[in-house]
């Protein structure tokens, strides 16, 4: 369902940090297309197409791990998916909202997650 599709782009930190962020979102959005694995990559991407949990209560964030370095996360999708992702990441990590951009049917938000 396109209303639940979310694309997440992560930069900074390493593959372990990217996996921690993806794990935090799995409870809310289900499993991603693939888990970041390339240890040499400087940018990681994951796409969530699943239904996951419909609310934010209890979704993701629990036991997601700690970050070794600051990670910039850009989430893009429907306004509802972006809101749910932002809420989930803010609960799971120390986060700073670095702004949002809205289109006709999609929204993009950038967060800085800190260790």
Protein backbone atom coordinates (compact mmCIF):
# COMPACT_ATOMS: atom_id res chain seq x y z
CA UNK A 1 0.00 0.00 0.00
CA UNK A 2 1.59 3.27 -1.10
CA UNK A 3 0.32 5.12 2.00
CA UNK A 4 2.72 3.13 4.15
CA UNK A 5 5.78 3.28 1.88
CA UNK A 6 8.69 5.05 3.48
CA UNK A 7 12.18 5.63 2.10
CA UNK A 8 14.94 6.21 4.64
CA UNK A 9 18.37 7.56 3.70
CA UNK A 10 21.10 7.52 6.35
CA UNK A 11 24.51 9.17 6.33
CA UNK A 12 27.14 9.43 9.02
CA UNK A 13 28.04 6.60 11.34
CA UNK A 14 28.58 3.11 9.99
CA UNK A 15 26.55 0.12 8.89
CA UNK A 16 25.86 -0.85 12.54
CA UNK A 17 24.38 2.60 13.16
CA UNK A 18 22.24 2.34 10.01
CA UNK A 19 21.01 -1.10 11.11
CA UNK A 20 20.10 0.30 14.56
CA UNK A 21 17.97 3.01 12.94
CA UNK A 22 16.29 0.50 10.60
CA UNK A 23 15.55 -1.85 13.54
CA UNK A 24 13.93 1.05 15.40
CA UNK A 25 11.52 1.55 12.46
CA UNK A 26 10.65 -2.14 11.94
CA UNK A 27 8.02 -2.23 14.69
CA UNK A 28 6.17 0.63 13.04
CA UNK A 29 6.62 -0.24 9.35
CA UNK A 30 7.51 -3.95 9.22
CA UNK A 31 10.65 -5.35 7.62
CA UNK A 32 12.49 -3.17 5.06
CA UNK A 33 13.38 -4.26 1.54
CA UNK A 34 16.89 -4.99 2.81
CA UNK A 35 18.99 -4.22 5.86
CA UNK A 36 22.06 -1.99 5.40
CA UNK A 37 25.07 -4.29 5.15
CA UNK A 38 27.91 -2.64 3.19
CA UNK A 39 30.50 -1.69 5.81
CA UNK A 40 32.26 0.63 3.33
CA UNK A 41 29.20 2.62 2.25
CA UNK A 42 28.90 6.23 3.39
CA UNK A 43 25.15 6.40 2.64
CA UNK A 44 22.62 3.66 3.42
CA UNK A 45 19.06 3.40 2.13
CA UNK A 46 16.10 1.28 3.21
CA UNK A 47 12.56 1.19 1.87
CA UNK A 48 9.64 0.04 3.98
CA UNK A 49 6.57 -1.21 2.12
CA UNK A 50 4.96 -3.21 4.92
CA UNK A 51 1.99 -2.49 7.08
CA UNK A 52 3.73 -2.85 10.46
CA UNK A 53 1.80 -1.53 13.44
CA UNK A 54 -0.83 1.10 12.71
CA UNK A 55 -0.14 3.36 15.66
CA UNK A 56 2.95 4.72 17.29
CA UNK A 57 2.35 3.16 20.69
CA UNK A 58 4.66 0.22 21.13
CA UNK A 59 6.02 0.54 17.61
CA UNK A 60 9.77 0.35 17.27
CA UNK A 61 12.35 2.09 19.33
CA UNK A 62 12.58 -0.55 22.01
CA UNK A 63 16.03 -2.08 22.23
CA UNK A 64 17.12 -0.48 18.97
CA UNK A 65 20.67 -0.03 20.20
CA UNK A 66 23.01 2.87 20.58
CA UNK A 67 24.70 4.89 17.89
CA UNK A 68 28.49 5.21 17.66
CA UNK A 69 28.34 8.55 15.81
CA UNK A 70 25.78 11.17 14.74
CA UNK A 71 23.56 9.95 11.90
CA UNK A 72 21.61 12.17 9.53
CA UNK A 73 18.33 10.50 8.58
CA UNK A 74 16.05 11.65 5.78
CA UNK A 75 12.59 10.06 5.74
CA UNK A 76 10.38 10.45 2.69
CA UNK A 77 6.83 9.25 2.09
CA UNK A 78 3.24 10.15 2.82
CA UNK A 79 2.73 12.79 5.52
CA UNK A 80 1.39 10.09 7.87
CA UNK A 81 4.35 7.74 7.26
CA UNK A 82 6.84 10.57 7.78
CA UNK A 83 5.11 11.62 11.00
CA UNK A 84 5.12 8.03 12.31
CA UNK A 85 8.81 7.58 11.40
CA UNK A 86 9.76 10.87 13.04
CA UNK A 87 7.84 9.98 16.21
CA UNK A 88 9.44 6.52 16.34
CA UNK A 89 12.98 7.82 15.86
CA UNK A 90 12.50 10.64 18.37
CA UNK A 91 11.45 8.08 21.00
CA UNK A 92 14.32 5.70 20.18
CA UNK A 93 17.20 8.19 19.92
CA UNK A 94 18.26 11.68 20.90
CA UNK A 95 17.04 13.54 17.82
CA UNK A 96 17.12 17.05 16.41
CA UNK A 97 14.60 18.00 13.73
CA UNK A 98 16.50 19.65 10.88
CA UNK A 99 13.44 20.57 8.83
CA UNK A 100 10.83 19.31 6.44
CA UNK A 101 9.70 19.84 2.88
CA UNK A 102 6.23 19.05 1.59
CA UNK A 103 5.03 18.22 -1.87
CA UNK A 104 1.55 17.51 -3.21
CA UNK A 105 1.39 13.97 -1.82
CA UNK A 106 4.75 13.36 -0.18
CA UNK A 107 6.73 14.84 2.62
CA UNK A 108 10.42 14.74 3.50
CA UNK A 109 11.92 15.30 6.94
CA UNK A 110 15.53 15.35 8.06
CA UNK A 111 16.58 14.36 11.56
CA UNK A 112 19.98 14.33 13.21
CA UNK A 113 20.26 11.36 15.57
CA UNK A 114 22.98 11.65 18.21
CA UNK A 115 24.73 8.95 20.24
